[in-house]
Amino acid sequence: MAQGEKKEKDVERLYVISGGEGERAPVDLVTLIVAHAEPPTSATPEQIAVLRMCQSPLAVAEVSAYLSLPFSVVTVLLTEMLAADLVQARAPIVRQKLPDRSLLEAVMHGLQRL
């Protein structure tokens, strides 16, 4: 297969997966996706792959990488899955760089009283 034919097939595949231009859920690269249901009989191969991958929380960027699909296509795919209640989207867990100063002072004073 020539290089041009391969690119055309890739573009066609992406269009079929994403359904062209579609609504997109407000997810970003670090949004965590968790499977919420078993794959229905009507599920596409990509949906089945997402449901298998996301038994534990997985970032959208990781889903995109594992499926070898662009982020924009994955967001359309996930939007459909969220609407069908197949997956849940969760905010990433953000860890603070430093603990709250007042908490550290309270612990320090508590230890000094011992």
PDB file of N, CA and C in Angstrom:
ATOM      1  N   MET A   1       0.842  -1.167   0.000  1.00  0.00           N
ATOM      2  CA  MET A   1       0.000   0.000   0.000  1.00  0.00           C
ATOM      3  C   MET A   1       0.891   1.234   0.000  1.00  0.00           C
ATOM      4  N   ALA A   2       0.576   2.190  -0.834  1.00  0.00           N
ATOM      5  CA  ALA A   2       1.350   3.422  -0.942  1.00  0.00           C
ATOM      6  C   ALA A   2       1.095   4.300   0.269  1.00  0.00           C
ATOM      7  N   GLN A   3       2.038   5.211   0.527  1.00  0.00           N
ATOM      8  CA  GLN A   3       1.936   6.107   1.678  1.00  0.00           C
ATOM      9  C   GLN A   3       0.659   6.937   1.636  1.00  0.00           C
ATOM     10  N   GLY A   4       0.284   7.448   0.477  1.00  0.00           N
ATOM     11  CA  GLY A   4      -0.923   8.261   0.337  1.00  0.00           C
ATOM     12  C   GLY A   4      -2.181   7.469   0.653  1.00  0.00           C
ATOM     13  N   GLU A   5      -2.226   6.209   0.223  1.00  0.00           N
ATOM     14  CA  GLU A   5      -3.392   5.358   0.510  1.00  0.00           C
ATOM     15  C   GLU A   5      -3.513   5.099   2.002  1.00  0.00           C
ATOM     16  N   LYS A   6      -2.375   4.889   2.674  1.00  0.00           N
ATOM     17  CA  LYS A   6      -2.389   4.635   4.116  1.00  0.00           C
ATOM     18  C   LYS A   6      -2.937   5.851   4.859  1.00  0.00           C
ATOM     19  N   LYS A   7      -2.508   7.054   4.470  1.00  0.00           N
ATOM     20  CA  LYS A   7      -2.996   8.270   5.130  1.00  0.00           C
ATOM     21  C   LYS A   7      -4.494   8.435   4.928  1.00  0.00           C
ATOM     22  N   GLU A   8      -4.999   8.131   3.709  1.00  0.00           N
ATOM     23  CA  GLU A   8      -6.432   8.235   3.441  1.00  0.00           C
ATOM     24  C   GLU A   8      -7.214   7.265   4.314  1.00  0.00           C
ATOM     25  N   LYS A   9      -6.706   6.048   4.462  1.00  0.00           N
ATOM     26  CA  LYS A   9      -7.388   5.050   5.300  1.00  0.00           C
ATOM     27  C   LYS A   9      -7.381   5.484   6.761  1.00  0.00           C
ATOM     28  N   ASP A  10      -6.268   6.087   7.232  1.00  0.00           N
ATOM     29  CA  ASP A  10      -6.200   6.576   8.607  1.00  0.00           C
ATOM     30  C   ASP A  10      -7.231   7.683   8.843  1.00  0.00           C
ATOM     31  N   VAL A  11      -7.345   8.605   7.903  1.00  0.00           N
ATOM     32  CA  VAL A  11      -8.307   9.697   8.028  1.00  0.00           C
ATOM     33  C   VAL A  11      -9.727   9.145   8.032  1.00  0.00           C
ATOM     34  N   GLU A  12     -10.002   8.189   7.160  1.00  0.00           N
ATOM     35  CA  GLU A  12     -11.325   7.569   7.120  1.00  0.00           C
ATOM     36  C   GLU A  12     -11.637   6.873   8.450  1.00  0.00           C
ATOM     37  N   ARG A  13     -10.664   6.147   8.995  1.00  0.00           N
ATOM     38  CA  ARG A  13     -10.854   5.451  10.268  1.00  0.00           C
ATOM     39  C   ARG A  13     -11.177   6.436  11.382  1.00  0.00           C
ATOM     40  N   LEU A  14     -10.426   7.542  11.450  1.00  0.00           N
ATOM     41  CA  LEU A  14     -10.662   8.550  12.480  1.00  0.00           C
ATOM     42  C   LEU A  14     -12.048   9.167  12.335  1.00  0.00           C
ATOM     43  N   TYR A  15     -12.481   9.389  11.094  1.00  0.00           N
ATOM     44  CA  TYR A  15     -13.804   9.959  10.861  1.00  0.00           C
ATOM     45  C   TYR A  15     -14.899   8.988  11.314  1.00  0.00           C
ATOM     46  N   VAL A  16     -14.707   7.709  11.016  1.00  0.00           N
ATOM     47  CA  VAL A  16     -15.699   6.709  11.420  1.00  0.00           C
ATOM     48  C   VAL A  16     -15.771   6.605  12.942  1.00  0.00           C
ATOM     49  N   ILE A  17     -14.620   6.603  13.606  1.00  0.00           N
ATOM     50  CA  ILE A  17     -14.588   6.494  15.066  1.00  0.00           C
ATOM     51  C   ILE A  17     -15.256   7.698  15.713  1.00  0.00           C
ATOM     52  N   SER A  18     -14.929   8.886  15.231  1.00  0.00           N
ATOM     53  CA  SER A  18     -15.431  10.100  15.869  1.00  0.00           C
ATOM     54  C   SER A  18     -16.785  10.535  15.348  1.00  0.00           C
ATOM     55  N   GLY A  19     -17.213   9.976  14.223  1.00  0.00           N
ATOM     56  CA  GLY A  19     -18.499  10.389  13.660  1.00  0.00           C
ATOM     57  C   GLY A  19     -18.434  11.786  13.078  1.00  0.00           C
ATOM     58  N   GLY A  20     -17.262  12.202  12.669  1.00  0.00           N
ATOM     59  CA  GLY A  20     -17.108  13.550  12.129  1.00  0.00           C
ATOM     60  C   GLY A  20     -17.031  14.555  13.257  1.00  0.00           C
ATOM     61  N   GLU A  21     -17.649  15.696  13.051  1.00  0.00           N
ATOM     62  CA  GLU A  21     -17.674  16.734  14.089  1.00  0.00           C
ATOM     63  C   GLU A  21     -18.786  16.411  15.066  1.00  0.00           C
ATOM     64  N   GLY A  22     -18.458  16.308  16.316  1.00  0.00           N
ATOM     65  CA  GLY A  22     -19.458  15.991  17.321  1.00  0.00           C
ATOM     66  C   GLY A  22     -19.258  16.819  18.564  1.00  0.00           C
ATOM     67  N   GLU A  23     -20.221  16.729  19.448  1.00  0.00           N
ATOM     68  CA  GLU A  23     -20.112  17.392  20.739  1.00  0.00           C
ATOM     69  C   GLU A  23     -18.971  16.764  21.516  1.00  0.00           C
ATOM     70  N   ARG A  24     -18.367  17.557  22.370  1.00  0.00           N
ATOM     71  CA  ARG A  24     -17.269  17.036  23.178  1.00  0.00           C
ATOM     72  C   ARG A  24     -17.503  17.335  24.645  1.00  0.00           C
ATOM     73  N   ALA A  25     -17.252  16.322  25.459  1.00  0.00           N
ATOM     74  CA  ALA A  25     -17.345  16.488  26.912  1.00  0.00           C
ATOM     75  C   ALA A  25     -16.190  17.373  27.378  1.00  0.00           C
ATOM     76  N   PRO A  26     -16.366  18.069  28.488  1.00  0.00           N
ATOM     77  CA  PRO A  26     -15.289  18.930  28.983  1.00  0.00           C
ATOM     78  C   PRO A  26     -14.207  18.119  29.692  1.00  0.00           C
ATOM     79  N   VAL A  27     -13.438  17.370  28.926  1.00  0.00           N
ATOM     80  CA  VAL A  27     -12.333  16.590  29.489  1.00  0.00           C
ATOM     81  C   VAL A  27     -11.025  17.173  28.978  1.00  0.00           C
ATOM     82  N   ASP A  28      -9.982  17.018  29.774  1.00  0.00           N
ATOM     83  CA  ASP A  28      -8.660  17.424  29.320  1.00  0.00           C
ATOM     84  C   ASP A  28      -7.719  16.228  29.430  1.00  0.00           C
ATOM     85  N   LEU A  29      -6.463  16.447  29.191  1.00  0.00           N
ATOM     86  CA  LEU A  29      -5.504  15.344  29.148  1.00  0.00           C
ATOM     87  C   LEU A  29      -5.363  14.594  30.464  1.00  0.00           C
ATOM     88  N   VAL A  30      -5.616  15.261  31.591  1.00  0.00           N
ATOM     89  CA  VAL A  30      -5.417  14.614  32.889  1.00  0.00           C
ATOM     90  C   VAL A  30      -6.713  14.147  33.546  1.00  0.00           C
ATOM     91  N   THR A  31      -7.850  14.357  32.884  1.00  0.00           N
ATOM     92  CA  THR A  31      -9.118  13.850  33.406  1.00  0.00           C
ATOM     93  C   THR A  31      -9.038  12.333  33.503  1.00  0.00           C
ATOM     94  N   LEU A  32      -9.478  11.780  34.617  1.00  0.00           N
ATOM     95  CA  LEU A  32      -9.437  10.333  34.817  1.00  0.00           C
ATOM     96  C   LEU A  32     -10.729   9.698  34.320  1.00  0.00           C
ATOM     97  N   ILE A  33     -10.593   8.604  33.591  1.00  0.00           N
ATOM     98  CA  ILE A  33     -11.733   7.871  33.058  1.00  0.00           C
ATOM     99  C   ILE A  33     -11.797   6.518  33.765  1.00  0.00           C
ATOM    100  N   VAL A  34     -13.010   6.155  34.213  1.00  0.00           N
ATOM    101  CA  VAL A  34     -13.213   4.882  34.901  1.00  0.00           C
ATOM    102  C   VAL A  34     -14.394   4.172  34.252  1.00  0.00           C
ATOM    103  N   ALA A  35     -14.213   2.879  33.937  1.00  0.00           N
ATOM    104  CA  ALA A  35     -15.304   2.089  33.372  1.00  0.00           C
ATOM    105  C   ALA A  35     -16.434   2.000  34.388  1.00  0.00           C
ATOM    106  N   HIS A  36     -17.653   2.133  33.875  1.00  0.00           N
ATOM    107  CA  HIS A  36     -18.821   2.153  34.760  1.00  0.00           C
ATOM    108  C   HIS A  36     -19.795   1.033  34.418  1.00  0.00           C
ATOM    109  N   ALA A  37     -19.547   0.331  33.305  1.00  0.00           N
ATOM    110  CA  ALA A  37     -20.470  -0.714  32.855  1.00  0.00           C
ATOM    111  C   ALA A  37     -19.725  -1.731  32.005  1.00  0.00           C
ATOM    112  N   GLU A  38     -20.391  -2.829  31.745  1.00  0.00           N
ATOM    113  CA  GLU A  38     -19.860  -3.835  30.831  1.00  0.00           C
ATOM    114  C   GLU A  38     -20.113  -3.371  29.398  1.00  0.00           C
ATOM    115  N   PRO A  39     -19.293  -3.802  28.444  1.00  0.00           N
ATOM    116  CA  PRO A  39     -19.523  -3.387  27.060  1.00  0.00           C
ATOM    117  C   PRO A  39     -20.856  -3.926  26.535  1.00  0.00           C
ATOM    118  N   PRO A  40     -21.692  -3.050  25.968  1.00  0.00           N
ATOM    119  CA  PRO A  40     -22.931  -3.530  25.363  1.00  0.00           C
ATOM    120  C   PRO A  40     -22.628  -4.257  24.055  1.00  0.00           C
ATOM    121  N   THR A  41     -23.580  -4.997  23.563  1.00  0.00           N
ATOM    122  CA  THR A  41     -23.359  -5.742  22.315  1.00  0.00           C
ATOM    123  C   THR A  41     -23.129  -4.809  21.134  1.00  0.00           C
ATOM    124  N   SER A  42     -23.606  -3.579  21.244  1.00  0.00           N
ATOM    125  CA  SER A  42     -23.447  -2.617  20.153  1.00  0.00           C
ATOM    126  C   SER A  42     -22.142  -1.825  20.236  1.00  0.00           C
ATOM    127  N   ALA A  43     -21.296  -2.120  21.216  1.00  0.00           N
ATOM    128  CA  ALA A  43     -20.060  -1.360  21.423  1.00  0.00           C
ATOM    129  C   ALA A  43     -19.088  -1.557  20.270  1.00  0.00           C
ATOM    130  N   THR A  44     -18.386  -0.478  19.937  1.00  0.00           N
ATOM    131  CA  THR A  44     -17.348  -0.530  18.911  1.00  0.00           C
ATOM    132  C   THR A  44     -16.084  -1.137  19.514  1.00  0.00           C
ATOM    133  N   PRO A  45     -15.153  -1.569  18.678  1.00  0.00           N
ATOM    134  CA  PRO A  45     -13.888  -2.104  19.215  1.00  0.00           C
ATOM    135  C   PRO A  45     -13.158  -1.099  20.111  1.00  0.00           C
ATOM    136  N   GLU A  46     -13.214   0.183  19.752  1.00  0.00           N
ATOM    137  CA  GLU A  46     -12.551   1.206  20.553  1.00  0.00           C
ATOM    138  C   GLU A  46     -13.232   1.368  21.907  1.00  0.00           C
ATOM    139  N   GLN A  47     -14.557   1.311  21.936  1.00  0.00           N
ATOM    140  CA  GLN A  47     -15.272   1.410  23.204  1.00  0.00           C
ATOM    141  C   GLN A  47     -14.957   0.221  24.106  1.00  0.00           C
ATOM    142  N   ILE A  48     -14.906  -0.959  23.522  1.00  0.00           N
ATOM    143  CA  ILE A  48     -14.561  -2.157  24.298  1.00  0.00           C
ATOM    144  C   ILE A  48     -13.157  -2.018  24.872  1.00  0.00           C
ATOM    145  N   ALA A  49     -12.231  -1.509  24.061  1.00  0.00           N
ATOM    146  CA  ALA A  49     -10.852  -1.324  24.538  1.00  0.00           C
ATOM    147  C   ALA A  49     -10.803  -0.333  25.697  1.00  0.00           C
ATOM    148  N   VAL A  50     -11.555   0.765  25.596  1.00  0.00           N
ATOM    149  CA  VAL A  50     -11.579   1.764  26.667  1.00  0.00           C
ATOM    150  C   VAL A  50     -12.142   1.141  27.944  1.00  0.00           C
ATOM    151  N   LEU A  51     -13.217   0.390  27.823  1.00  0.00           N
ATOM    152  CA  LEU A  51     -13.827  -0.219  29.005  1.00  0.00           C
ATOM    153  C   LEU A  51     -12.896  -1.232  29.664  1.00  0.00           C
ATOM    154  N   ARG A  52     -12.141  -1.942  28.885  1.00  0.00           N
ATOM    155  CA  ARG A  52     -11.176  -2.897  29.462  1.00  0.00           C
ATOM    156  C   ARG A  52     -10.011  -2.177  30.119  1.00  0.00           C
ATOM    157  N   MET A  53      -9.518  -1.131  29.466  1.00  0.00           N
ATOM    158  CA  MET A  53      -8.380  -0.372  29.993  1.00  0.00           C
ATOM    159  C   MET A  53      -8.705   0.357  31.278  1.00  0.00           C
ATOM    160  N   CYS A  54      -9.913   0.856  31.362  1.00  0.00           N
ATOM    161  CA  CYS A  54     -10.281   1.777  32.436  1.00  0.00           C
ATOM    162  C   CYS A  54     -10.979   1.102  33.614  1.00  0.00           C
ATOM    163  N   GLN A  55     -10.642  -0.145  33.874  1.00  0.00           N
ATOM    164  CA  GLN A  55     -11.156  -0.786  35.081  1.00  0.00           C
ATOM    165  C   GLN A  55     -10.633  -0.044  36.309  1.00  0.00           C
ATOM    166  N   SER A  56      -9.430   0.471  36.209  1.00  0.00           N
ATOM    167  CA  SER A  56      -8.854   1.389  37.195  1.00  0.00           C
ATOM    168  C   SER A  56      -8.754   2.747  36.508  1.00  0.00           C
ATOM    169  N   PRO A  57      -8.811   3.837  37.260  1.00  0.00           N
ATOM    170  CA  PRO A  57      -8.761   5.169  36.626  1.00  0.00           C
ATOM    171  C   PRO A  57      -7.543   5.335  35.718  1.00  0.00           C
ATOM    172  N   LEU A  58      -7.804   5.907  34.551  1.00  0.00           N
ATOM    173  CA  LEU A  58      -6.755   6.124  33.560  1.00  0.00           C
ATOM    174  C   LEU A  58      -6.955   7.513  32.960  1.00  0.00           C
ATOM    175  N   ALA A  59      -5.886   8.286  32.819  1.00  0.00           N
ATOM    176  CA  ALA A  59      -5.967   9.632  32.258  1.00  0.00           C
ATOM    177  C   ALA A  59      -6.311   9.569  30.775  1.00  0.00           C
ATOM    178  N   VAL A  60      -7.009  10.589  30.303  1.00  0.00           N
ATOM    179  CA  VAL A  60      -7.398  10.656  28.891  1.00  0.00           C
ATOM    180  C   VAL A  60      -6.159  10.596  28.000  1.00  0.00           C
ATOM    181  N   ALA A  61      -5.075  11.226  28.417  1.00  0.00           N
ATOM    182  CA  ALA A  61      -3.837  11.185  27.631  1.00  0.00           C
ATOM    183  C   ALA A  61      -3.339   9.749  27.468  1.00  0.00           C
ATOM    184  N   GLU A  62      -3.459   8.949  28.523  1.00  0.00           N
ATOM    185  CA  GLU A  62      -3.036   7.551  28.452  1.00  0.00           C
ATOM    186  C   GLU A  62      -3.962   6.749  27.541  1.00  0.00           C
ATOM    187  N   VAL A  63      -5.262   6.997  27.636  1.00  0.00           N
ATOM    188  CA  VAL A  63      -6.212   6.318  26.755  1.00  0.00           C
ATOM    189  C   VAL A  63      -5.873   6.629  25.310  1.00  0.00           C
ATOM    190  N   SER A  64      -5.612   7.891  25.027  1.00  0.00           N
ATOM    191  CA  SER A  64      -5.252   8.326  23.679  1.00  0.00           C
ATOM    192  C   SER A  64      -3.991   7.618  23.187  1.00  0.00           C
ATOM    193  N   ALA A  65      -3.005   7.526  24.053  1.00  0.00           N
ATOM    194  CA  ALA A  65      -1.741   6.875  23.673  1.00  0.00           C
ATOM    195  C   ALA A  65      -1.924   5.382  23.441  1.00  0.00           C
ATOM    196  N   TYR A  66      -2.634   4.710  24.350  1.00  0.00           N
ATOM    197  CA  TYR A  66      -2.828   3.268  24.212  1.00  0.00           C
ATOM    198  C   TYR A  66      -3.643   2.911  22.967  1.00  0.00           C
ATOM    199  N   LEU A  67      -4.605   3.774  22.611  1.00  0.00           N
ATOM    200  CA  LEU A  67      -5.422   3.507  21.422  1.00  0.00           C
ATOM    201  C   LEU A  67      -4.761   4.013  20.138  1.00  0.00           C
ATOM    202  N   SER A  68      -3.674   4.760  20.281  1.00  0.00           N
ATOM    203  CA  SER A  68      -2.995   5.389  19.135  1.00  0.00           C
ATOM    204  C   SER A  68      -3.961   6.255  18.338  1.00  0.00           C
ATOM    205  N   LEU A  69      -4.743   7.045  19.072  1.00  0.00           N
ATOM    206  CA  LEU A  69      -5.714   7.949  18.465  1.00  0.00           C
ATOM    207  C   LEU A  69      -5.454   9.370  18.952  1.00  0.00           C
ATOM    208  N   PRO A  70      -5.720  10.362  18.109  1.00  0.00           N
ATOM    209  CA  PRO A  70      -5.552  11.747  18.546  1.00  0.00           C
ATOM    210  C   PRO A  70      -6.496  12.089  19.697  1.00  0.00           C
ATOM    211  N   PHE A  71      -6.077  13.031  20.520  1.00  0.00           N
ATOM    212  CA  PHE A  71      -6.874  13.465  21.667  1.00  0.00           C
ATOM    213  C   PHE A  71      -8.273  13.888  21.240  1.00  0.00           C
ATOM    214  N   SER A  72      -8.381  14.609  20.128  1.00  0.00           N
ATOM    215  CA  SER A  72      -9.690  15.106  19.682  1.00  0.00           C
ATOM    216  C   SER A  72     -10.645  13.963  19.363  1.00  0.00           C
ATOM    217  N   VAL A  73     -10.137  12.885  18.773  1.00  0.00           N
ATOM    218  CA  VAL A  73     -10.975  11.732  18.448  1.00  0.00           C
ATOM    219  C   VAL A  73     -11.376  11.014  19.740  1.00  0.00           C
ATOM    220  N   VAL A  74     -10.453  10.890  20.674  1.00  0.00           N
ATOM    221  CA  VAL A  74     -10.736  10.226  21.947  1.00  0.00           C
ATOM    222  C   VAL A  74     -11.786  11.004  22.732  1.00  0.00           C
ATOM    223  N   THR A  75     -11.739  12.341  22.688  1.00  0.00           N
ATOM    224  CA  THR A  75     -12.736  13.112  23.424  1.00  0.00           C
ATOM    225  C   THR A  75     -14.142  12.894  22.857  1.00  0.00           C
ATOM    226  N   VAL A  76     -14.274  12.767  21.538  1.00  0.00           N
ATOM    227  CA  VAL A  76     -15.585  12.485  20.947  1.00  0.00           C
ATOM    228  C   VAL A  76     -16.047  11.090  21.362  1.00  0.00           C
ATOM    229  N   LEU A  77     -15.135  10.132  21.307  1.00  0.00           N
ATOM    230  CA  LEU A  77     -15.449   8.758  21.715  1.00  0.00           C
ATOM    231  C   LEU A  77     -15.886   8.729  23.186  1.00  0.00           C
ATOM    232  N   LEU A  78     -15.146   9.403  24.048  1.00  0.00           N
ATOM    233  CA  LEU A  78     -15.488   9.432  25.471  1.00  0.00           C
ATOM    234  C   LEU A  78     -16.791  10.180  25.732  1.00  0.00           C
ATOM    235  N   THR A  79     -17.069  11.200  24.947  1.00  0.00           N
ATOM    236  CA  THR A  79     -18.334  11.926  25.088  1.00  0.00           C
ATOM    237  C   THR A  79     -19.508  10.990  24.854  1.00  0.00           C
ATOM    238  N   GLU A  80     -19.420  10.173  23.816  1.00  0.00           N
ATOM    239  CA  GLU A  80     -20.474   9.195  23.538  1.00  0.00           C
ATOM    240  C   GLU A  80     -20.600   8.194  24.679  1.00  0.00           C
ATOM    241  N   MET A  81     -19.468   7.751  25.204  1.00  0.00           N
ATOM    242  CA  MET A  81     -19.473   6.763  26.279  1.00  0.00           C
ATOM    243  C   MET A  81     -20.001   7.360  27.581  1.00  0.00           C
ATOM    244  N   LEU A  82     -19.691   8.627  27.844  1.00  0.00           N
ATOM    245  CA  LEU A  82     -20.221   9.302  29.029  1.00  0.00           C
ATOM    246  C   LEU A  82     -21.734   9.454  28.920  1.00  0.00           C
ATOM    247  N   ALA A  83     -22.211   9.819  27.737  1.00  0.00           N
ATOM    248  CA  ALA A  83     -23.654   9.981  27.529  1.00  0.00           C
ATOM    249  C   ALA A  83     -24.392   8.656  27.697  1.00  0.00           C
ATOM    250  N   ALA A  84     -23.746   7.551  27.308  1.00  0.00           N
ATOM    251  CA  ALA A  84     -24.350   6.223  27.439  1.00  0.00           C
ATOM    252  C   ALA A  84     -24.128   5.629  28.832  1.00  0.00           C
ATOM    253  N   ASP A  85     -23.465   6.378  29.723  1.00  0.00           N
ATOM    254  CA  ASP A  85     -23.179   5.948  31.090  1.00  0.00           C
ATOM    255  C   ASP A  85     -22.316   4.684  31.132  1.00  0.00           C
ATOM    256  N   LEU A  86     -21.405   4.571  30.165  1.00  0.00           N
ATOM    257  CA  LEU A  86     -20.473   3.445  30.139  1.00  0.00           C
ATOM    258  C   LEU A  86     -19.224   3.742  30.960  1.00  0.00           C
ATOM    259  N   VAL A  87     -18.865   5.026  31.038  1.00  0.00           N
ATOM    260  CA  VAL A  87     -17.684   5.447  31.798  1.00  0.00           C
ATOM    261  C   VAL A  87     -18.043   6.659  32.639  1.00  0.00           C
ATOM    262  N   GLN A  88     -17.180   6.941  33.601  1.00  0.00           N
ATOM    263  CA  GLN A  88     -17.289   8.143  34.423  1.00  0.00           C
ATOM    264  C   GLN A  88     -16.015   8.950  34.241  1.00  0.00           C
ATOM    265  N   ALA A  89     -16.145  10.258  34.265  1.00  0.00           N
ATOM    266  CA  ALA A  89     -14.981  11.140  34.210  1.00  0.00           C
ATOM    267  C   ALA A  89     -14.790  11.736  35.598  1.00  0.00           C
ATOM    268  N   ARG A  90     -13.557  11.705  36.071  1.00  0.00           N
ATOM    269  CA  ARG A  90     -13.230  12.247  37.395  1.00  0.00           C
ATOM    270  C   ARG A  90     -12.115  13.264  37.263  1.00  0.00           C
ATOM    271  N   ALA A  91     -12.155  14.227  38.111  1.00  0.00           N
ATOM    272  CA  ALA A  91     -11.073  15.212  38.144  1.00  0.00           C
ATOM    273  C   ALA A  91      -9.811  14.525  38.649  1.00  0.00           C
ATOM    274  N   PRO A  92      -8.666  14.932  38.155  1.00  0.00           N
ATOM    275  CA  PRO A  92      -7.420  14.324  38.642  1.00  0.00           C
ATOM    276  C   PRO A  92      -7.187  14.681  40.102  1.00  0.00           C
ATOM    277  N   ILE A  93      -6.450  13.843  40.769  1.00  0.00           N
ATOM    278  CA  ILE A  93      -6.099  14.090  42.165  1.00  0.00           C
ATOM    279  C   ILE A  93      -4.893  15.025  42.163  1.00  0.00           C
ATOM    280  N   VAL A  94      -5.087  16.202  42.715  1.00  0.00           N
ATOM    281  CA  VAL A  94      -4.015  17.195  42.743  1.00  0.00           C
ATOM    282  C   VAL A  94      -3.428  17.209  44.138  1.00  0.00           C
ATOM    283  N   ARG A  95      -2.162  17.024  44.198  1.00  0.00           N
ATOM    284  CA  ARG A  95      -1.479  17.045  45.497  1.00  0.00           C
ATOM    285  C   ARG A  95      -0.825  18.394  45.686  1.00  0.00           C
ATOM    286  N   GLN A  96      -0.989  18.928  46.873  1.00  0.00           N
ATOM    287  CA  GLN A  96      -0.363  20.201  47.170  1.00  0.00           C
ATOM    288  C   GLN A  96       1.130  19.988  47.331  1.00  0.00           C
ATOM    289  N   LYS A  97       1.892  20.984  46.928  1.00  0.00           N
ATOM    290  CA  LYS A  97       3.340  20.871  47.038  1.00  0.00           C
ATOM    291  C   LYS A  97       3.778  20.848  48.498  1.00  0.00           C
ATOM    292  N   LEU A  98       3.206  21.718  49.289  1.00  0.00           N
ATOM    293  CA  LEU A  98       3.566  21.784  50.698  1.00  0.00           C
ATOM    294  C   LEU A  98       2.290  21.722  51.531  1.00  0.00           C
ATOM    295  N   PRO A  99       2.358  21.071  52.682  1.00  0.00           N
ATOM    296  CA  PRO A  99       1.187  21.048  53.566  1.00  0.00           C
ATOM    297  C   PRO A  99       0.873  22.460  54.057  1.00  0.00           C
ATOM    298  N   ASP A 100      -0.347  22.656  54.505  1.00  0.00           N
ATOM    299  CA  ASP A 100      -0.777  23.937  55.050  1.00  0.00           C
ATOM    300  C   ASP A 100       0.082  24.293  56.257  1.00  0.00           C
ATOM    301  N   ARG A 101       0.562  25.525  56.289  1.00  0.00           N
ATOM    302  CA  ARG A 101       1.455  25.959  57.367  1.00  0.00           C
ATOM    303  C   ARG A 101       0.783  25.858  58.737  1.00  0.00           C
ATOM    304  N   SER A 102      -0.499  26.213  58.827  1.00  0.00           N
ATOM    305  CA  SER A 102      -1.191  26.172  60.128  1.00  0.00           C
ATOM    306  C   SER A 102      -1.287  24.740  60.645  1.00  0.00           C
ATOM    307  N   LEU A 103      -1.436  23.786  59.750  1.00  0.00           N
ATOM    308  CA  LEU A 103      -1.480  22.382  60.162  1.00  0.00           C
ATOM    309  C   LEU A 103      -0.130  21.956  60.723  1.00  0.00           C
ATOM    310  N   LEU A 104       0.947  22.335  60.058  1.00  0.00           N
ATOM    311  CA  LEU A 104       2.292  21.995  60.545  1.00  0.00           C
ATOM    312  C   LEU A 104       2.564  22.629  61.910  1.00  0.00           C
ATOM    313  N   GLU A 105       2.133  23.865  62.081  1.00  0.00           N
ATOM    314  CA  GLU A 105       2.339  24.540  63.365  1.00  0.00           C
ATOM    315  C   GLU A 105       1.534  23.856  64.469  1.00  0.00           C
ATOM    316  N   ALA A 106       0.314  23.438  64.173  1.00  0.00           N
ATOM    317  CA  ALA A 106      -0.520  22.754  65.169  1.00  0.00           C
ATOM    318  C   ALA A 106       0.107  21.427  65.566  1.00  0.00           C
ATOM    319  N   VAL A 107       0.644  20.697  64.606  1.00  0.00           N
ATOM    320  CA  VAL A 107       1.312  19.424  64.900  1.00  0.00           C
ATOM    321  C   VAL A 107       2.561  19.681  65.746  1.00  0.00           C
ATOM    322  N   MET A 108       3.320  20.707  65.362  1.00  0.00           N
ATOM    323  CA  MET A 108       4.555  21.024  66.100  1.00  0.00           C
ATOM    324  C   MET A 108       4.221  21.401  67.560  1.00  0.00           C
ATOM    325  N   HIS A 109       3.218  22.241  67.772  1.00  0.00           N
ATOM    326  CA  HIS A 109       2.829  22.630  69.138  1.00  0.00           C
ATOM    327  C   HIS A 109       2.317  21.434  69.924  1.00  0.00           C
ATOM    328  N   GLY A 110       1.585  20.558  69.270  1.00  0.00           N
ATOM    329  CA  GLY A 110       1.094  19.339  69.928  1.00  0.00           C
ATOM    330  C   GLY A 110       2.243  18.457  70.375  1.00  0.00           C
ATOM    331  N   LEU A 111       3.257  18.318  69.537  1.00  0.00           N
ATOM    332  CA  LEU A 111       4.426  17.502  69.884  1.00  0.00           C
ATOM    333  C   LEU A 111       5.230  18.139  71.016  1.00  0.00           C
ATOM    334  N   GLN A 112       5.314  19.457  71.022  1.00  0.00           N
ATOM    335  CA  GLN A 112       6.061  20.139  72.070  1.00  0.00           C
ATOM    336  C   GLN A 112       5.396  19.975  73.436  1.00  0.00           C
ATOM    337  N   ARG A 113       4.084  19.815  73.458  1.00  0.00           N
ATOM    338  CA  ARG A 113       3.353  19.650  74.718  1.00  0.00           C
ATOM    339  C   ARG A 113       3.539  18.245  75.287  1.00  0.00           C
ATOM    340  N   LEU A 114       3.977  17.304  74.500  1.00  0.00           N
ATOM    341  CA  LEU A 114       4.139  15.923  74.986  1.00  0.00           C
ATOM    342  C   LEU A 114       5.278  15.774  75.933  1.00  0.00           C
TER     343      LEU A 114
END
